[in-house]
Amino acid sequence: MASLHLAVLLLLAFTASSSASWCVCKDGNEASLQKALDYACGAGADCNPIKQTGPCYNPNTVRAHCNYAVNSYFQKKGQAPLACDFAGAATVSASDPSTTGCSYPASAR
């Protein structure tokens, strides 16, 4: 019986630690990435960190800013899979896209 409890606890610990996900922009043309970025920022994403004075402004590329914006939107929507589509411009990832000085949220905070 004790081994069953241990197995259940290990399974729960593994499940909890592997549930983090982020939304990132796919490689694509800048116009589609800019459209996803604009939509996310206009629909509730916290885009302050990618403003010129923000900690996630650099690298100053459409793709980097798109990544931050779509992820913020995705997190605010409770990580709903459809909240990370952006007309096919984005996808869910299990890899944390954070960089030095720029932390991507992994929850709605």
PDB file of N, CA and C in Angstrom:
ATOM      1  N   MET A   1       0.827  -1.200   0.000  1.00  0.00           N
ATOM      2  CA  MET A   1       0.000   0.000   0.000  1.00  0.00           C
ATOM      3  C   MET A   1       0.868   1.260   0.000  1.00  0.00           C
ATOM      4  N   ALA A   2       1.948   1.240   0.781  1.00  0.00           N
ATOM      5  CA  ALA A   2       2.837   2.400   0.838  1.00  0.00           C
ATOM      6  C   ALA A   2       3.471   2.668  -0.520  1.00  0.00           C
ATOM      7  N   SER A   3       3.796   1.598  -1.244  1.00  0.00           N
ATOM      8  CA  SER A   3       4.407   1.798  -2.565  1.00  0.00           C
ATOM      9  C   SER A   3       3.411   2.412  -3.547  1.00  0.00           C
ATOM     10  N   LEU A   4       2.145   2.086  -3.402  1.00  0.00           N
ATOM     11  CA  LEU A   4       1.120   2.691  -4.245  1.00  0.00           C
ATOM     12  C   LEU A   4       1.011   4.185  -3.966  1.00  0.00           C
ATOM     13  N   HIS A   5       1.051   4.560  -2.694  1.00  0.00           N
ATOM     14  CA  HIS A   5       0.989   5.980  -2.334  1.00  0.00           C
ATOM     15  C   HIS A   5       2.205   6.721  -2.878  1.00  0.00           C
ATOM     16  N   LEU A   6       3.365   6.088  -2.776  1.00  0.00           N
ATOM     17  CA  LEU A   6       4.585   6.703  -3.290  1.00  0.00           C
ATOM     18  C   LEU A   6       4.486   6.886  -4.805  1.00  0.00           C
ATOM     19  N   ALA A   7       3.977   5.887  -5.499  1.00  0.00           N
ATOM     20  CA  ALA A   7       3.827   5.977  -6.947  1.00  0.00           C
ATOM     21  C   ALA A   7       2.869   7.102  -7.329  1.00  0.00           C
ATOM     22  N   VAL A   8       1.767   7.241  -6.604  1.00  0.00           N
ATOM     23  CA  VAL A   8       0.807   8.309  -6.877  1.00  0.00           C
ATOM     24  C   VAL A   8       1.442   9.671  -6.629  1.00  0.00           C
ATOM     25  N   LEU A   9       2.186   9.815  -5.541  1.00  0.00           N
ATOM     26  CA  LEU A   9       2.848  11.084  -5.243  1.00  0.00           C
ATOM     27  C   LEU A   9       3.874  11.435  -6.318  1.00  0.00           C
ATOM     28  N   LEU A  10       4.630  10.450  -6.765  1.00  0.00           N
ATOM     29  CA  LEU A  10       5.608  10.708  -7.828  1.00  0.00           C
ATOM     30  C   LEU A  10       4.919  11.116  -9.120  1.00  0.00           C
ATOM     31  N   LEU A  11       3.832  10.449  -9.446  1.00  0.00           N
ATOM     32  CA  LEU A  11       3.081  10.802 -10.649  1.00  0.00           C
ATOM     33  C   LEU A  11       2.538  12.218 -10.558  1.00  0.00           C
ATOM     34  N   LEU A  12       1.992  12.585  -9.415  1.00  0.00           N
ATOM     35  CA  LEU A  12       1.470  13.938  -9.231  1.00  0.00           C
ATOM     36  C   LEU A  12       2.591  14.974  -9.316  1.00  0.00           C
ATOM     37  N   ALA A  13       3.737  14.678  -8.731  1.00  0.00           N
ATOM     38  CA  ALA A  13       4.857  15.615  -8.776  1.00  0.00           C
ATOM     39  C   ALA A  13       5.340  15.799 -10.202  1.00  0.00           C
ATOM     40  N   PHE A  14       5.426  14.706 -10.956  1.00  0.00           N
ATOM     41  CA  PHE A  14       5.856  14.794 -12.347  1.00  0.00           C
ATOM     42  C   PHE A  14       4.860  15.585 -13.179  1.00  0.00           C
ATOM     43  N   THR A  15       3.596  15.331 -12.993  1.00  0.00           N
ATOM     44  CA  THR A  15       2.556  16.028 -13.737  1.00  0.00           C
ATOM     45  C   THR A  15       2.577  17.515 -13.433  1.00  0.00           C
ATOM     46  N   ALA A  16       2.725  17.883 -12.172  1.00  0.00           N
ATOM     47  CA  ALA A  16       2.732  19.290 -11.781  1.00  0.00           C
ATOM     48  C   ALA A  16       3.935  20.013 -12.349  1.00  0.00           C
ATOM     49  N   SER A  17       5.099  19.355 -12.386  1.00  0.00           N
ATOM     50  CA  SER A  17       6.300  20.040 -12.841  1.00  0.00           C
ATOM     51  C   SER A  17       6.364  20.131 -14.360  1.00  0.00           C
ATOM     52  N   SER A  18       5.605  19.314 -15.081  1.00  0.00           N
ATOM     53  CA  SER A  18       5.693  19.333 -16.523  1.00  0.00           C
ATOM     54  C   SER A  18       4.528  20.077 -17.181  1.00  0.00           C
ATOM     55  N   SER A  19       3.730  20.776 -16.404  1.00  0.00           N
ATOM     56  CA  SER A  19       2.543  21.400 -16.967  1.00  0.00           C
ATOM     57  C   SER A  19       2.768  22.822 -17.471  1.00  0.00           C
ATOM     58  N   ALA A  20       3.931  23.389 -17.242  1.00  0.00           N
ATOM     59  CA  ALA A  20       4.181  24.754 -17.694  1.00  0.00           C
ATOM     60  C   ALA A  20       4.221  24.789 -19.216  1.00  0.00           C
ATOM     61  N   SER A  21       3.599  25.807 -19.776  1.00  0.00           N
ATOM     62  CA  SER A  21       3.666  25.978 -21.219  1.00  0.00           C
ATOM     63  C   SER A  21       3.635  27.462 -21.557  1.00  0.00           C
ATOM     64  N   TRP A  22       4.193  27.758 -22.697  1.00  0.00           N
ATOM     65  CA  TRP A  22       4.294  29.120 -23.186  1.00  0.00           C
ATOM     66  C   TRP A  22       3.797  29.147 -24.622  1.00  0.00           C
ATOM     67  N   CYS A  23       3.451  30.304 -25.087  1.00  0.00           N
ATOM     68  CA  CYS A  23       3.034  30.493 -26.472  1.00  0.00           C
ATOM     69  C   CYS A  23       4.137  31.297 -27.162  1.00  0.00           C
ATOM     70  N   VAL A  24       4.591  30.814 -28.299  1.00  0.00           N
ATOM     71  CA  VAL A  24       5.642  31.505 -29.041  1.00  0.00           C
ATOM     72  C   VAL A  24       5.256  31.622 -30.508  1.00  0.00           C
ATOM     73  N   CYS A  25       5.790  32.624 -31.160  1.00  0.00           N
ATOM     74  CA  CYS A  25       5.519  32.835 -32.576  1.00  0.00           C
ATOM     75  C   CYS A  25       6.364  31.872 -33.407  1.00  0.00           C
ATOM     76  N   LYS A  26       5.762  31.394 -34.475  1.00  0.00           N
ATOM     77  CA  LYS A  26       6.473  30.514 -35.401  1.00  0.00           C
ATOM     78  C   LYS A  26       7.363  31.367 -36.298  1.00  0.00           C
ATOM     79  N   ASP A  27       8.329  30.713 -36.922  1.00  0.00           N
ATOM     80  CA  ASP A  27       9.093  31.409 -37.950  1.00  0.00           C
ATOM     81  C   ASP A  27       8.119  31.716 -39.071  1.00  0.00           C
ATOM     82  N   GLY A  28       8.150  32.915 -39.539  1.00  0.00           N
ATOM     83  CA  GLY A  28       7.214  33.291 -40.595  1.00  0.00           C
ATOM     84  C   GLY A  28       7.510  34.685 -41.082  1.00  0.00           C
ATOM     85  N   ASN A  29       6.647  35.164 -41.948  1.00  0.00           N
ATOM     86  CA  ASN A  29       6.894  36.502 -42.465  1.00  0.00           C
ATOM     87  C   ASN A  29       6.552  37.538 -41.391  1.00  0.00           C
ATOM     88  N   GLU A  30       7.263  38.632 -41.448  1.00  0.00           N
ATOM     89  CA  GLU A  30       7.104  39.657 -40.416  1.00  0.00           C
ATOM     90  C   GLU A  30       5.701  40.238 -40.376  1.00  0.00           C
ATOM     91  N   ALA A  31       5.011  40.271 -41.500  1.00  0.00           N
ATOM     92  CA  ALA A  31       3.658  40.838 -41.533  1.00  0.00           C
ATOM     93  C   ALA A  31       2.708  40.010 -40.663  1.00  0.00           C
ATOM     94  N   SER A  32       2.786  38.686 -40.747  1.00  0.00           N
ATOM     95  CA  SER A  32       1.897  37.851 -39.925  1.00  0.00           C
ATOM     96  C   SER A  32       2.283  37.927 -38.451  1.00  0.00           C
ATOM     97  N   LEU A  33       3.576  38.031 -38.163  1.00  0.00           N
ATOM     98  CA  LEU A  33       4.018  38.165 -36.768  1.00  0.00           C
ATOM     99  C   LEU A  33       3.584  39.515 -36.201  1.00  0.00           C
ATOM    100  N   GLN A  34       3.691  40.571 -37.009  1.00  0.00           N
ATOM    101  CA  GLN A  34       3.265  41.898 -36.561  1.00  0.00           C
ATOM    102  C   GLN A  34       1.766  41.919 -36.303  1.00  0.00           C
ATOM    103  N   LYS A  35       1.007  41.230 -37.132  1.00  0.00           N
ATOM    104  CA  LYS A  35      -0.443  41.162 -36.948  1.00  0.00           C
ATOM    105  C   LYS A  35      -0.776  40.453 -35.635  1.00  0.00           C
ATOM    106  N   ALA A  36      -0.082  39.350 -35.337  1.00  0.00           N
ATOM    107  CA  ALA A  36      -0.292  38.631 -34.081  1.00  0.00           C
ATOM    108  C   ALA A  36       0.092  39.506 -32.895  1.00  0.00           C
ATOM    109  N   LEU A  37       1.205  40.196 -33.001  1.00  0.00           N
ATOM    110  CA  LEU A  37       1.680  41.112 -31.954  1.00  0.00           C
ATOM    111  C   LEU A  37       0.652  42.207 -31.702  1.00  0.00           C
ATOM    112  N   ASP A  38       0.182  42.846 -32.756  1.00  0.00           N
ATOM    113  CA  ASP A  38      -0.801  43.925 -32.619  1.00  0.00           C
ATOM    114  C   ASP A  38      -2.098  43.424 -32.002  1.00  0.00           C
ATOM    115  N   TYR A  39      -2.554  42.247 -32.446  1.00  0.00           N
ATOM    116  CA  TYR A  39      -3.790  41.705 -31.895  1.00  0.00           C
ATOM    117  C   TYR A  39      -3.629  41.420 -30.404  1.00  0.00           C
ATOM    118  N   ALA A  40      -2.553  40.730 -30.038  1.00  0.00           N
ATOM    119  CA  ALA A  40      -2.348  40.361 -28.632  1.00  0.00           C
ATOM    120  C   ALA A  40      -2.298  41.604 -27.748  1.00  0.00           C
ATOM    121  N   CYS A  41      -1.540  42.613 -28.167  1.00  0.00           N
ATOM    122  CA  CYS A  41      -1.416  43.834 -27.359  1.00  0.00           C
ATOM    123  C   CYS A  41      -2.743  44.583 -27.266  1.00  0.00           C
ATOM    124  N   GLY A  42      -3.549  44.511 -28.317  1.00  0.00           N
ATOM    125  CA  GLY A  42      -4.835  45.195 -28.315  1.00  0.00           C
ATOM    126  C   GLY A  42      -5.939  44.423 -27.617  1.00  0.00           C
ATOM    127  N   ALA A  43      -5.689  43.142 -27.331  1.00  0.00           N
ATOM    128  CA  ALA A  43      -6.734  42.285 -26.765  1.00  0.00           C
ATOM    129  C   ALA A  43      -6.449  41.860 -25.324  1.00  0.00           C
ATOM    130  N   GLY A  44      -5.568  42.585 -24.646  1.00  0.00           N
ATOM    131  CA  GLY A  44      -5.387  42.313 -23.226  1.00  0.00           C
ATOM    132  C   GLY A  44      -4.026  41.834 -22.780  1.00  0.00           C
ATOM    133  N   ALA A  45      -3.111  41.561 -23.711  1.00  0.00           N
ATOM    134  CA  ALA A  45      -1.764  41.162 -23.302  1.00  0.00           C
ATOM    135  C   ALA A  45      -1.069  42.330 -22.605  1.00  0.00           C
ATOM    136  N   ASP A  46      -0.192  42.017 -21.668  1.00  0.00           N
ATOM    137  CA  ASP A  46       0.617  43.050 -21.019  1.00  0.00           C
ATOM    138  C   ASP A  46       1.833  43.289 -21.897  1.00  0.00           C
ATOM    139  N   CYS A  47       1.806  44.337 -22.689  1.00  0.00           N
ATOM    140  CA  CYS A  47       2.892  44.624 -23.615  1.00  0.00           C
ATOM    141  C   CYS A  47       3.851  45.698 -23.097  1.00  0.00           C
ATOM    142  N   ASN A  48       3.671  46.135 -21.855  1.00  0.00           N
ATOM    143  CA  ASN A  48       4.590  47.126 -21.292  1.00  0.00           C
ATOM    144  C   ASN A  48       6.040  46.650 -21.287  1.00  0.00           C
ATOM    145  N   PRO A  49       6.330  45.374 -20.984  1.00  0.00           N
ATOM    146  CA  PRO A  49       7.730  44.942 -20.977  1.00  0.00           C
ATOM    147  C   PRO A  49       8.429  45.019 -22.332  1.00  0.00           C
ATOM    148  N   ILE A  50       7.678  45.089 -23.440  1.00  0.00           N
ATOM    149  CA  ILE A  50       8.340  45.174 -24.748  1.00  0.00           C
ATOM    150  C   ILE A  50       8.353  46.601 -25.299  1.00  0.00           C
ATOM    151  N   LYS A  51       7.923  47.550 -24.490  1.00  0.00           N
ATOM    152  CA  LYS A  51       8.066  48.958 -24.885  1.00  0.00           C
ATOM    153  C   LYS A  51       9.538  49.327 -24.778  1.00  0.00           C
ATOM    154  N   GLN A  52       9.922  50.424 -25.412  1.00  0.00           N
ATOM    155  CA  GLN A  52      11.329  50.794 -25.519  1.00  0.00           C
ATOM    156  C   GLN A  52      12.054  50.838 -24.173  1.00  0.00           C
ATOM    157  N   THR A  53      11.385  51.220 -23.114  1.00  0.00           N
ATOM    158  CA  THR A  53      12.036  51.291 -21.804  1.00  0.00           C
ATOM    159  C   THR A  53      11.835  50.018 -20.976  1.00  0.00           C
ATOM    160  N   GLY A  54      11.192  49.012 -21.545  1.00  0.00           N
ATOM    161  CA  GLY A  54      10.887  47.782 -20.816  1.00  0.00           C
ATOM    162  C   GLY A  54      12.034  46.783 -20.813  1.00  0.00           C
ATOM    163  N   PRO A  55      11.988  45.842 -19.873  1.00  0.00           N
ATOM    164  CA  PRO A  55      13.063  44.850 -19.747  1.00  0.00           C
ATOM    165  C   PRO A  55      13.110  43.835 -20.895  1.00  0.00           C
ATOM    166  N   CYS A  56      12.052  43.743 -21.691  1.00  0.00           N
ATOM    167  CA  CYS A  56      12.006  42.771 -22.785  1.00  0.00           C
ATOM    168  C   CYS A  56      12.032  43.440 -24.158  1.00  0.00           C
ATOM    169  N   TYR A  57      12.438  44.707 -24.193  1.00  0.00           N
ATOM    170  CA  TYR A  57      12.497  45.426 -25.468  1.00  0.00           C
ATOM    171  C   TYR A  57      13.554  44.822 -26.395  1.00  0.00           C
ATOM    172  N   ASN A  58      14.690  44.440 -25.821  1.00  0.00           N
ATOM    173  CA  ASN A  58      15.760  43.838 -26.616  1.00  0.00           C
ATOM    174  C   ASN A  58      15.721  42.330 -26.488  1.00  0.00           C
ATOM    175  N   PRO A  59      15.881  41.591 -27.532  1.00  0.00           N
ATOM    176  CA  PRO A  59      16.207  42.098 -28.865  1.00  0.00           C
ATOM    177  C   PRO A  59      15.004  42.793 -29.493  1.00  0.00           C
ATOM    178  N   ASN A  60      15.267  43.882 -30.151  1.00  0.00           N
ATOM    179  CA  ASN A  60      14.226  44.688 -30.774  1.00  0.00           C
ATOM    180  C   ASN A  60      13.898  44.130 -32.154  1.00  0.00           C
ATOM    181  N   THR A  61      13.201  42.996 -32.155  1.00  0.00           N
ATOM    182  CA  THR A  61      12.777  42.373 -33.408  1.00  0.00           C
ATOM    183  C   THR A  61      11.281  42.095 -33.326  1.00  0.00           C
ATOM    184  N   VAL A  62      10.646  42.010 -34.465  1.00  0.00           N
ATOM    185  CA  VAL A  62       9.213  41.709 -34.498  1.00  0.00           C
ATOM    186  C   VAL A  62       8.971  40.346 -33.868  1.00  0.00           C
ATOM    187  N   ARG A  63       9.803  39.367 -34.181  1.00  0.00           N
ATOM    188  CA  ARG A  63       9.590  38.018 -33.639  1.00  0.00           C
ATOM    189  C   ARG A  63       9.724  37.996 -32.123  1.00  0.00           C
ATOM    190  N   ALA A  64      10.741  38.646 -31.576  1.00  0.00           N
ATOM    191  CA  ALA A  64      10.928  38.650 -30.118  1.00  0.00           C
ATOM    192  C   ALA A  64       9.753  39.341 -29.432  1.00  0.00           C
ATOM    193  N   HIS A  65       9.304  40.461 -29.969  1.00  0.00           N
ATOM    194  CA  HIS A  65       8.176  41.171 -29.367  1.00  0.00           C
ATOM    195  C   HIS A  65       6.887  40.365 -29.536  1.00  0.00           C
ATOM    196  N   CYS A  66       6.752  39.705 -30.676  1.00  0.00           N
ATOM    197  CA  CYS A  66       5.595  38.849 -30.912  1.00  0.00           C
ATOM    198  C   CYS A  66       5.561  37.720 -29.879  1.00  0.00           C
ATOM    199  N   ASN A  67       6.702  37.097 -29.630  1.00  0.00           N
ATOM    200  CA  ASN A  67       6.771  36.018 -28.642  1.00  0.00           C
ATOM    201  C   ASN A  67       6.254  36.478 -27.288  1.00  0.00           C
ATOM    202  N   TYR A  68       6.723  37.633 -26.850  1.00  0.00           N
ATOM    203  CA  TYR A  68       6.312  38.107 -25.535  1.00  0.00           C
ATOM    204  C   TYR A  68       4.816  38.419 -25.498  1.00  0.00           C
ATOM    205  N   ALA A  69       4.333  39.093 -26.518  1.00  0.00           N
ATOM    206  CA  ALA A  69       2.926  39.509 -26.546  1.00  0.00           C
ATOM    207  C   ALA A  69       1.971  38.323 -26.624  1.00  0.00           C
ATOM    208  N   VAL A  70       2.241  37.370 -27.525  1.00  0.00           N
ATOM    209  CA  VAL A  70       1.314  36.238 -27.642  1.00  0.00           C
ATOM    210  C   VAL A  70       1.350  35.368 -26.388  1.00  0.00           C
ATOM    211  N   ASN A  71       2.517  35.273 -25.755  1.00  0.00           N
ATOM    212  CA  ASN A  71       2.585  34.499 -24.519  1.00  0.00           C
ATOM    213  C   ASN A  71       1.793  35.176 -23.409  1.00  0.00           C
ATOM    214  N   SER A  72       1.902  36.482 -23.297  1.00  0.00           N
ATOM    215  CA  SER A  72       1.141  37.198 -22.274  1.00  0.00           C
ATOM    216  C   SER A  72      -0.361  36.988 -22.488  1.00  0.00           C
ATOM    217  N   TYR A  73      -0.799  37.081 -23.720  1.00  0.00           N
ATOM    218  CA  TYR A  73      -2.210  36.865 -24.052  1.00  0.00           C
ATOM    219  C   TYR A  73      -2.633  35.438 -23.688  1.00  0.00           C
ATOM    220  N   PHE A  74      -1.826  34.480 -24.077  1.00  0.00           N
ATOM    221  CA  PHE A  74      -2.073  33.061 -23.805  1.00  0.00           C
ATOM    222  C   PHE A  74      -2.196  32.794 -22.305  1.00  0.00           C
ATOM    223  N   GLN A  75      -1.312  33.382 -21.527  1.00  0.00           N
ATOM    224  CA  GLN A  75      -1.357  33.181 -20.073  1.00  0.00           C
ATOM    225  C   GLN A  75      -2.614  33.821 -19.489  1.00  0.00           C
ATOM    226  N   LYS A  76      -2.955  35.018 -19.946  1.00  0.00           N
ATOM    227  CA  LYS A  76      -4.148  35.687 -19.427  1.00  0.00           C
ATOM    228  C   LYS A  76      -5.430  34.940 -19.785  1.00  0.00           C
ATOM    229  N   LYS A  77      -5.384  34.138 -20.832  1.00  0.00           N
ATOM    230  CA  LYS A  77      -6.539  33.326 -21.235  1.00  0.00           C
ATOM    231  C   LYS A  77      -6.483  31.926 -20.617  1.00  0.00           C
ATOM    232  N   GLY A  78      -5.660  31.765 -19.588  1.00  0.00           N
ATOM    233  CA  GLY A  78      -5.607  30.494 -18.860  1.00  0.00           C
ATOM    234  C   GLY A  78      -4.971  29.357 -19.637  1.00  0.00           C
ATOM    235  N   GLN A  79      -4.087  29.662 -20.543  1.00  0.00           N
ATOM    236  CA  GLN A  79      -3.381  28.690 -21.371  1.00  0.00           C
ATOM    237  C   GLN A  79      -4.323  27.847 -22.236  1.00  0.00           C
ATOM    238  N   ALA A  80      -5.438  28.440 -22.617  1.00  0.00           N
ATOM    239  CA  ALA A  80      -6.362  27.748 -23.519  1.00  0.00           C
ATOM    240  C   ALA A  80      -5.659  27.553 -24.869  1.00  0.00           C
ATOM    241  N   PRO A  81      -5.632  26.327 -25.391  1.00  0.00           N
ATOM    242  CA  PRO A  81      -4.904  26.076 -26.639  1.00  0.00           C
ATOM    243  C   PRO A  81      -5.288  27.002 -27.793  1.00  0.00           C
ATOM    244  N   LEU A  82      -6.565  27.334 -27.922  1.00  0.00           N
ATOM    245  CA  LEU A  82      -6.974  28.222 -29.010  1.00  0.00           C
ATOM    246  C   LEU A  82      -6.497  29.654 -28.821  1.00  0.00           C
ATOM    247  N   ALA A  83      -6.060  29.992 -27.605  1.00  0.00           N
ATOM    248  CA  ALA A  83      -5.542  31.338 -27.344  1.00  0.00           C
ATOM    249  C   ALA A  83      -4.100  31.474 -27.809  1.00  0.00           C
ATOM    250  N   CYS A  84      -3.561  30.407 -28.392  1.00  0.00           N
ATOM    251  CA  CYS A  84      -2.199  30.449 -28.929  1.00  0.00           C
ATOM    252  C   CYS A  84      -2.204  30.002 -30.379  1.00  0.00           C
ATOM    253  N   ASP A  85      -3.043  30.616 -31.185  1.00  0.00           N
ATOM    254  CA  ASP A  85      -3.081  30.255 -32.596  1.00  0.00           C
ATOM    255  C   ASP A  85      -2.692  31.439 -33.460  1.00  0.00           C
ATOM    256  N   PHE A  86      -3.391  32.549 -33.274  1.00  0.00           N
ATOM    257  CA  PHE A  86      -3.088  33.789 -33.997  1.00  0.00           C
ATOM    258  C   PHE A  86      -2.985  33.533 -35.505  1.00  0.00           C
ATOM    259  N   ALA A  87      -4.041  32.938 -36.044  1.00  0.00           N
ATOM    260  CA  ALA A  87      -4.129  32.624 -37.472  1.00  0.00           C
ATOM    261  C   ALA A  87      -2.939  31.780 -37.939  1.00  0.00           C
ATOM    262  N   GLY A  88      -2.505  30.880 -37.068  1.00  0.00           N
ATOM    263  CA  GLY A  88      -1.405  29.977 -37.406  1.00  0.00           C
ATOM    264  C   GLY A  88      -0.024  30.548 -37.190  1.00  0.00           C
ATOM    265  N   ALA A  89       0.076  31.755 -36.639  1.00  0.00           N
ATOM    266  CA  ALA A  89       1.381  32.398 -36.465  1.00  0.00           C
ATOM    267  C   ALA A  89       2.096  31.981 -35.180  1.00  0.00           C
ATOM    268  N   ALA A  90       1.393  31.273 -34.264  1.00  0.00           N
ATOM    269  CA  ALA A  90       1.995  30.920 -32.982  1.00  0.00           C
ATOM    270  C   ALA A  90       1.692  29.474 -32.622  1.00  0.00           C
ATOM    271  N   THR A  91       2.433  28.967 -31.659  1.00  0.00           N
ATOM    272  CA  THR A  91       2.257  27.589 -31.210  1.00  0.00           C
ATOM    273  C   THR A  91       2.620  27.473 -29.727  1.00  0.00           C
ATOM    274  N   VAL A  92       2.064  26.472 -29.066  1.00  0.00           N
ATOM    275  CA  VAL A  92       2.367  26.210 -27.660  1.00  0.00           C
ATOM    276  C   VAL A  92       3.708  25.500 -27.574  1.00  0.00           C
ATOM    277  N   SER A  93       4.502  25.889 -26.576  1.00  0.00           N
ATOM    278  CA  SER A  93       5.826  25.301 -26.372  1.00  0.00           C
ATOM    279  C   SER A  93       6.011  24.926 -24.904  1.00  0.00           C
ATOM    280  N   ALA A  94       6.735  23.853 -24.652  1.00  0.00           N
ATOM    281  CA  ALA A  94       7.076  23.459 -23.290  1.00  0.00           C
ATOM    282  C   ALA A  94       8.404  24.068 -22.861  1.00  0.00           C
ATOM    283  N   SER A  95       9.082  24.757 -23.771  1.00  0.00           N
ATOM    284  CA  SER A  95      10.378  25.378 -23.469  1.00  0.00           C
ATOM    285  C   SER A  95      10.190  26.841 -23.097  1.00  0.00           C
ATOM    286  N   ASP A  96      10.739  27.219 -21.975  1.00  0.00           N
ATOM    287  CA  ASP A  96      10.650  28.599 -21.495  1.00  0.00           C
ATOM    288  C   ASP A  96      11.452  29.521 -22.413  1.00  0.00           C
ATOM    289  N   PRO A  97      10.798  30.490 -23.068  1.00  0.00           N
ATOM    290  CA  PRO A  97      11.505  31.391 -23.978  1.00  0.00           C
ATOM    291  C   PRO A  97      12.182  32.577 -23.272  1.00  0.00           C
ATOM    292  N   SER A  98      12.136  32.625 -21.946  1.00  0.00           N
ATOM    293  CA  SER A  98      12.742  33.735 -21.209  1.00  0.00           C
ATOM    294  C   SER A  98      14.215  33.881 -21.566  1.00  0.00           C
ATOM    295  N   THR A  99      14.672  35.114 -21.500  1.00  0.00           N
ATOM    296  CA  THR A  99      16.085  35.410 -21.753  1.00  0.00           C
ATOM    297  C   THR A  99      16.628  36.190 -20.565  1.00  0.00           C
ATOM    298  N   THR A 100      17.899  36.401 -20.513  1.00  0.00           N
ATOM    299  CA  THR A 100      18.513  37.154 -19.429  1.00  0.00           C
ATOM    300  C   THR A 100      17.851  38.526 -19.323  1.00  0.00           C
ATOM    301  N   GLY A 101      17.287  38.825 -18.163  1.00  0.00           N
ATOM    302  CA  GLY A 101      16.652  40.108 -17.931  1.00  0.00           C
ATOM    303  C   GLY A 101      15.199  40.188 -18.377  1.00  0.00           C
ATOM    304  N   CYS A 102      14.707  39.171 -19.051  1.00  0.00           N
ATOM    305  CA  CYS A 102      13.338  39.176 -19.561  1.00  0.00           C
ATOM    306  C   CYS A 102      12.666  37.849 -19.232  1.00  0.00           C
ATOM    307  N   SER A 103      11.824  37.883 -18.241  1.00  0.00           N
ATOM    308  CA  SER A 103      11.140  36.682 -17.793  1.00  0.00           C
ATOM    309  C   SER A 103       9.736  36.613 -18.404  1.00  0.00           C
ATOM    310  N   TYR A 104       9.467  35.530 -19.115  1.00  0.00           N
ATOM    311  CA  TYR A 104       8.152  35.315 -19.711  1.00  0.00           C
ATOM    312  C   TYR A 104       7.230  34.695 -18.667  1.00  0.00           C
ATOM    313  N   PRO A 105       6.035  35.232 -18.491  1.00  0.00           N
ATOM    314  CA  PRO A 105       5.122  34.634 -17.517  1.00  0.00           C
ATOM    315  C   PRO A 105       4.715  33.221 -17.916  1.00  0.00           C
ATOM    316  N   ALA A 106       4.533  32.375 -16.903  1.00  0.00           N
ATOM    317  CA  ALA A 106       4.087  31.002 -17.130  1.00  0.00           C
ATOM    318  C   ALA A 106       2.688  30.801 -16.540  1.00  0.00           C
ATOM    319  N   SER A 107       2.066  31.921 -16.121  1.00  0.00           N
ATOM    320  CA  SER A 107       0.720  31.884 -15.590  1.00  0.00           C
ATOM    321  C   SER A 107       0.089  33.263 -15.788  1.00  0.00           C
ATOM    322  N   ALA A 108      -1.173  33.377 -15.435  1.00  0.00           N
ATOM    323  CA  ALA A 108      -1.901  34.632 -15.665  1.00  0.00           C
ATOM    324  C   ALA A 108      -1.468  35.768 -14.752  1.00  0.00           C
ATOM    325  N   ARG A 109      -0.800  35.502 -13.676  1.00  0.00           N
ATOM    326  CA  ARG A 109      -0.353  36.509 -12.698  1.00  0.00           C
ATOM    327  C   ARG A 109      -1.324  37.642 -12.555  1.00  0.00           C
TER     328      ARG A 109
END
